[in-house]
Protein backbone atom coordinates (compact mmCIF):
# COMPACT_ATOMS: atom_id res chain seq x y z
CA MET A 1 97.69 165.62 124.63
CA ILE A 2 96.57 162.35 123.04
CA THR A 3 95.21 159.70 125.37
CA ALA A 4 95.23 155.96 124.77
CA GLN A 5 91.51 156.04 124.01
CA ASP A 6 92.02 158.75 121.37
CA ALA A 7 94.77 156.71 119.68
CA THR A 8 92.59 153.58 119.68
CA ALA A 9 89.61 155.47 118.35
CA ARG A 10 91.60 156.54 115.27
CA VAL A 11 92.36 152.93 114.25
CA PRO A 12 89.64 151.50 112.00
CA THR A 13 87.66 148.74 113.68
CA ARG A 14 88.58 146.14 111.03
CA LEU A 15 92.32 146.65 111.79
CA ARG A 16 92.05 146.31 115.55
CA VAL A 17 93.42 143.17 117.15
CA GLU A 18 92.19 142.00 120.49
CA LEU A 19 94.87 140.54 122.73
CA ASP A 20 94.05 137.61 124.95
CA SER A 21 96.61 136.68 127.60
CA ARG A 22 94.97 133.28 128.07
CA VAL A 23 96.06 132.10 124.63
CA GLN A 24 99.49 130.50 124.74
CA ALA A 25 101.92 131.97 122.21
CA ARG A 26 103.46 129.47 119.81
CA SER A 27 107.20 129.12 119.68
CA VAL A 28 108.99 130.24 116.54
CA ARG A 29 111.86 127.77 117.04
CA SER A 30 111.76 124.34 115.53
CA ALA A 31 111.51 121.58 118.11
CA GLN A 32 113.73 119.23 116.11
CA LYS A 33 116.84 121.39 115.74
CA HIS A 34 119.09 121.50 118.77
CA TRP A 35 122.47 123.18 119.09
CA ARG A 36 125.39 120.78 119.14
CA PRO A 37 128.94 121.72 120.04
CA PRO A 38 131.39 121.47 117.16
CA GLU A 39 133.19 118.18 116.85
CA GLY A 40 136.80 118.23 117.97
CA LEU A 41 139.89 116.67 116.51
CA PHE A 42 141.41 113.45 117.72
CA PRO A 43 144.77 113.77 119.51
CA ALA A 44 146.56 112.08 116.60
CA GLU A 45 145.12 114.68 114.19
CA VAL A 46 146.20 117.57 116.44
CA GLN A 47 149.70 116.14 116.74
CA ALA A 48 149.89 115.83 112.95
CA ILE A 49 148.91 119.49 112.55
CA ILE A 50 151.51 120.56 115.13
CA ALA A 51 154.17 118.44 113.39
CA ALA A 52 153.33 120.17 110.08
CA ALA A 53 154.11 123.63 111.51
CA THR A 54 156.85 125.29 109.45
CA CYS A 55 158.53 127.31 112.20
CA GLU A 56 159.06 127.09 115.96
CA ARG A 57 156.68 129.99 116.57
CA ASP A 58 153.79 128.20 114.81
CA HIS A 59 154.69 124.95 116.56
CA LEU A 60 154.55 126.63 119.98
CA LEU A 61 151.34 128.52 119.17
CA LEU A 62 149.54 125.35 118.09
CA ARG A 63 150.70 123.50 121.23
CA VAL A 64 149.42 126.33 123.45
CA LEU A 65 146.06 126.44 121.66
CA TRP A 66 145.68 122.67 121.96
């Protein structure tokens, strides 16, 4: 059975990385980019889309989704 000390001993000294919990990790995310909800349509635009529906089924579906 391999112990943690045996596994560490097999890693060359120059490849070892010492971990320090006191050092604060940097964030990968950009501080300037924030999520914004998608812009919606104005009521007049939605009504124009509903009016352009070619059949009653599409007309009803668009009204329900709105």
